[in-house]
N, C-alpha and C. Protein backbone atom coordinates (compact mmCIF):
# COMPACT_ATOMS: atom_id res chain seq x y z
N MET A 1 18.10 -2.48 -1.17
CA MET A 1 18.26 -1.23 -1.88
C MET A 1 19.29 -0.39 -1.14
N LYS A 2 20.17 0.19 -1.87
CA LYS A 2 21.20 1.03 -1.28
C LYS A 2 20.66 2.44 -1.05
N THR A 3 21.24 3.10 -0.06
CA THR A 3 20.85 4.47 0.27
C THR A 3 20.99 5.39 -0.94
N GLU A 4 22.05 5.20 -1.71
CA GLU A 4 22.28 6.04 -2.89
C GLU A 4 21.15 5.87 -3.91
N ASP A 5 20.68 4.63 -4.07
CA ASP A 5 19.58 4.36 -5.00
C ASP A 5 18.30 5.05 -4.53
N LEU A 6 18.03 4.94 -3.24
CA LEU A 6 16.84 5.56 -2.67
C LEU A 6 16.89 7.07 -2.86
N ALA A 7 18.04 7.66 -2.62
CA ALA A 7 18.20 9.10 -2.81
C ALA A 7 17.99 9.48 -4.27
N ALA A 8 18.51 8.68 -5.17
CA ALA A 8 18.35 8.97 -6.60
C ALA A 8 16.87 8.91 -7.01
N TYR A 9 16.14 7.90 -6.53
CA TYR A 9 14.71 7.81 -6.82
C TYR A 9 13.96 9.01 -6.26
N ALA A 10 14.32 9.40 -5.05
CA ALA A 10 13.68 10.57 -4.43
C ALA A 10 13.93 11.81 -5.27
N GLY A 11 15.15 11.98 -5.72
CA GLY A 11 15.48 13.13 -6.57
C GLY A 11 14.68 13.14 -7.85
N GLU A 12 14.52 11.97 -8.47
CA GLU A 12 13.73 11.88 -9.70
C GLU A 12 12.28 12.28 -9.48
N LEU A 13 11.79 12.05 -8.27
CA LEU A 13 10.40 12.39 -7.94
C LEU A 13 10.26 13.82 -7.42
N GLY A 14 11.38 14.52 -7.32
CA GLY A 14 11.34 15.89 -6.84
C GLY A 14 11.23 16.00 -5.32
N LEU A 15 11.59 14.92 -4.61
CA LEU A 15 11.53 14.93 -3.15
C LEU A 15 12.84 15.45 -2.56
N ASP A 16 12.80 15.85 -1.32
CA ASP A 16 13.99 16.29 -0.61
C ASP A 16 14.80 15.05 -0.24
N GLU A 17 15.85 14.80 -0.99
CA GLU A 17 16.64 13.57 -0.81
C GLU A 17 17.25 13.47 0.59
N THR A 18 17.80 14.56 1.08
CA THR A 18 18.45 14.56 2.39
C THR A 18 17.44 14.24 3.49
N ARG A 19 16.29 14.87 3.42
CA ARG A 19 15.25 14.63 4.43
C ARG A 19 14.78 13.17 4.37
N LEU A 20 14.56 12.65 3.18
CA LEU A 20 14.10 11.28 3.04
C LEU A 20 15.08 10.30 3.68
N ILE A 21 16.35 10.43 3.35
CA ILE A 21 17.36 9.52 3.90
C ILE A 21 17.43 9.66 5.42
N ARG A 22 17.39 10.89 5.92
CA ARG A 22 17.44 11.12 7.37
C ARG A 22 16.25 10.44 8.05
N GLU A 23 15.06 10.59 7.48
CA GLU A 23 13.87 10.01 8.11
C GLU A 23 13.84 8.49 8.01
N VAL A 24 14.29 7.95 6.92
CA VAL A 24 14.31 6.50 6.77
C VAL A 24 15.33 5.88 7.73
N THR A 25 16.51 6.45 7.80
CA THR A 25 17.55 5.86 8.65
C THR A 25 17.29 6.07 10.14
N SER A 26 16.47 7.05 10.50
CA SER A 26 16.18 7.28 11.92
C SER A 26 14.92 6.55 12.36
N SER A 27 14.29 5.82 11.47
CA SER A 27 13.07 5.05 11.77
C SER A 27 11.94 5.93 12.30
N VAL A 28 11.87 7.16 11.82
CA VAL A 28 10.87 8.10 12.29
C VAL A 28 9.44 7.61 12.07
N TYR A 29 9.24 6.75 11.08
CA TYR A 29 7.89 6.27 10.78
C TYR A 29 7.65 4.83 11.23
N ALA A 30 8.57 4.26 11.99
CA ALA A 30 8.46 2.85 12.38
C ALA A 30 7.17 2.56 13.13
N LEU A 31 6.79 3.40 14.08
CA LEU A 31 5.57 3.17 14.85
C LEU A 31 4.34 3.20 13.94
N ARG A 32 4.30 4.17 13.04
CA ARG A 32 3.16 4.28 12.13
C ARG A 32 3.07 3.06 11.21
N ILE A 33 4.19 2.60 10.73
CA ILE A 33 4.22 1.41 9.86
C ILE A 33 3.74 0.19 10.64
N ARG A 34 4.19 0.04 11.86
CA ARG A 34 3.77 -1.09 12.70
C ARG A 34 2.26 -1.04 12.94
N GLU A 35 1.73 0.15 13.23
CA GLU A 35 0.28 0.30 13.45
C GLU A 35 -0.51 -0.05 12.19
N ASP A 36 -0.03 0.42 11.03
CA ASP A 36 -0.69 0.10 9.77
C ASP A 36 -0.67 -1.40 9.50
N PHE A 37 0.47 -2.04 9.80
CA PHE A 37 0.59 -3.48 9.61
C PHE A 37 -0.42 -4.23 10.47
N LYS A 38 -0.49 -3.86 11.75
CA LYS A 38 -1.43 -4.52 12.66
C LYS A 38 -2.87 -4.31 12.21
N SER A 39 -3.17 -3.13 11.74
CA SER A 39 -4.52 -2.83 11.24
C SER A 39 -4.85 -3.72 10.04
N GLY A 40 -3.88 -3.91 9.17
CA GLY A 40 -4.08 -4.77 8.01
C GLY A 40 -4.35 -6.20 8.42
N VAL A 41 -3.60 -6.69 9.37
CA VAL A 41 -3.79 -8.07 9.86
C VAL A 41 -5.20 -8.22 10.44
N ARG A 42 -5.60 -7.25 11.26
CA ARG A 42 -6.96 -7.29 11.84
C ARG A 42 -8.03 -7.23 10.75
N GLY A 43 -7.72 -6.56 9.64
CA GLY A 43 -8.68 -6.41 8.56
C GLY A 43 -8.68 -7.57 7.57
N GLY A 44 -7.86 -8.58 7.80
CA GLY A 44 -7.85 -9.74 6.93
C GLY A 44 -6.79 -9.71 5.85
N VAL A 45 -5.89 -8.77 5.90
CA VAL A 45 -4.81 -8.71 4.91
C VAL A 45 -3.76 -9.74 5.29
N ASN A 46 -3.48 -10.64 4.36
CA ASN A 46 -2.47 -11.66 4.65
C ASN A 46 -1.36 -11.66 3.60
N GLY A 47 -1.32 -10.64 2.79
CA GLY A 47 -0.29 -10.50 1.78
C GLY A 47 -0.55 -9.26 0.95
N THR A 48 0.37 -8.98 0.06
CA THR A 48 0.18 -7.83 -0.82
C THR A 48 0.31 -8.28 -2.25
N PRO A 49 -0.44 -7.72 -3.14
CA PRO A 49 -1.49 -6.75 -2.82
C PRO A 49 -2.76 -7.46 -2.33
N THR A 50 -3.51 -6.79 -1.48
CA THR A 50 -4.84 -7.23 -1.06
C THR A 50 -5.81 -6.14 -1.48
N PHE A 51 -6.89 -6.53 -2.11
CA PHE A 51 -7.86 -5.56 -2.62
C PHE A 51 -9.14 -5.61 -1.81
N PHE A 52 -9.71 -4.44 -1.58
CA PHE A 52 -10.99 -4.31 -0.91
C PHE A 52 -11.93 -3.55 -1.83
N ILE A 53 -13.15 -4.01 -1.91
CA ILE A 53 -14.19 -3.32 -2.68
C ILE A 53 -15.32 -3.01 -1.72
N ASN A 54 -15.58 -1.74 -1.54
CA ASN A 54 -16.61 -1.28 -0.59
C ASN A 54 -16.43 -1.92 0.79
N GLY A 55 -15.19 -1.99 1.25
CA GLY A 55 -14.90 -2.48 2.59
C GLY A 55 -14.82 -3.98 2.74
N GLU A 56 -15.02 -4.73 1.65
CA GLU A 56 -14.94 -6.19 1.71
C GLU A 56 -13.75 -6.68 0.91
N ARG A 57 -13.01 -7.63 1.49
CA ARG A 57 -11.85 -8.16 0.80
C ARG A 57 -12.27 -8.89 -0.47
N TYR A 58 -11.56 -8.62 -1.55
CA TYR A 58 -11.81 -9.27 -2.83
C TYR A 58 -10.73 -10.32 -3.05
N ASP A 59 -11.17 -11.58 -3.22
CA ASP A 59 -10.23 -12.68 -3.41
C ASP A 59 -10.33 -13.31 -4.79
N GLY A 60 -11.05 -12.68 -5.69
CA GLY A 60 -11.25 -13.26 -7.02
C GLY A 60 -10.06 -13.03 -7.94
N PRO A 61 -10.24 -13.41 -9.20
CA PRO A 61 -9.18 -13.21 -10.19
C PRO A 61 -8.80 -11.74 -10.31
N ARG A 62 -7.54 -11.49 -10.64
CA ARG A 62 -7.02 -10.12 -10.63
C ARG A 62 -6.79 -9.60 -12.04
N ASP A 63 -7.85 -9.56 -12.80
CA ASP A 63 -7.77 -8.94 -14.11
C ASP A 63 -8.89 -7.90 -14.20
N VAL A 64 -8.77 -7.01 -15.15
CA VAL A 64 -9.70 -5.89 -15.26
C VAL A 64 -11.14 -6.35 -15.35
N GLY A 65 -11.42 -7.34 -16.15
CA GLY A 65 -12.79 -7.82 -16.32
C GLY A 65 -13.42 -8.27 -15.02
N HIS A 66 -12.70 -9.05 -14.26
CA HIS A 66 -13.22 -9.55 -12.99
C HIS A 66 -13.35 -8.43 -11.96
N PHE A 67 -12.40 -7.50 -11.96
CA PHE A 67 -12.52 -6.36 -11.05
C PHE A 67 -13.77 -5.55 -11.37
N LEU A 68 -13.98 -5.26 -12.66
CA LEU A 68 -15.16 -4.48 -13.05
C LEU A 68 -16.45 -5.21 -12.69
N GLU A 69 -16.46 -6.52 -12.89
CA GLU A 69 -17.63 -7.32 -12.52
C GLU A 69 -17.90 -7.24 -11.02
N ALA A 70 -16.85 -7.37 -10.22
CA ALA A 70 -17.01 -7.30 -8.77
C ALA A 70 -17.46 -5.91 -8.33
N LEU A 71 -16.92 -4.88 -8.96
CA LEU A 71 -17.34 -3.52 -8.63
C LEU A 71 -18.81 -3.29 -8.99
N SER A 72 -19.22 -3.78 -10.15
CA SER A 72 -20.62 -3.64 -10.56
C SER A 72 -21.53 -4.37 -9.61
N LYS A 73 -21.15 -5.57 -9.20
CA LYS A 73 -21.95 -6.37 -8.29
C LYS A 73 -22.10 -5.65 -6.95
N GLN A 74 -21.01 -5.11 -6.44
CA GLN A 74 -21.05 -4.39 -5.17
C GLN A 74 -21.92 -3.15 -5.26
N THR A 75 -21.90 -2.47 -6.39
CA THR A 75 -22.71 -1.27 -6.56
C THR A 75 -24.18 -1.60 -6.56
N VAL A 76 -24.56 -2.70 -7.23
CA VAL A 76 -25.97 -3.13 -7.29
C VAL A 76 -26.46 -3.56 -5.92
N GLU A 77 -25.61 -4.27 -5.16
CA GLU A 77 -26.01 -4.79 -3.85
C GLU A 77 -26.16 -3.69 -2.81
N LYS A 78 -25.45 -2.60 -2.96
CA LYS A 78 -25.46 -1.54 -1.94
C LYS A 78 -26.63 -0.62 -2.07
């Protein structure tokens, strides 16, 4: 993605384009991103998207029906 594209998306969202570009190019959030990544790995995340229901990783089918079923099951068990 080009910097100009990122700035345009930021503008469409009403964000401060200059600040966003400055922070992205200066890697101001690199440490936080690295920490979040490591936390995900420790939590069993091995790709995206990864879904958790009540703190447990969900590996079932990814359609609304199955999600609702898994949510209902977790609610009954808790």
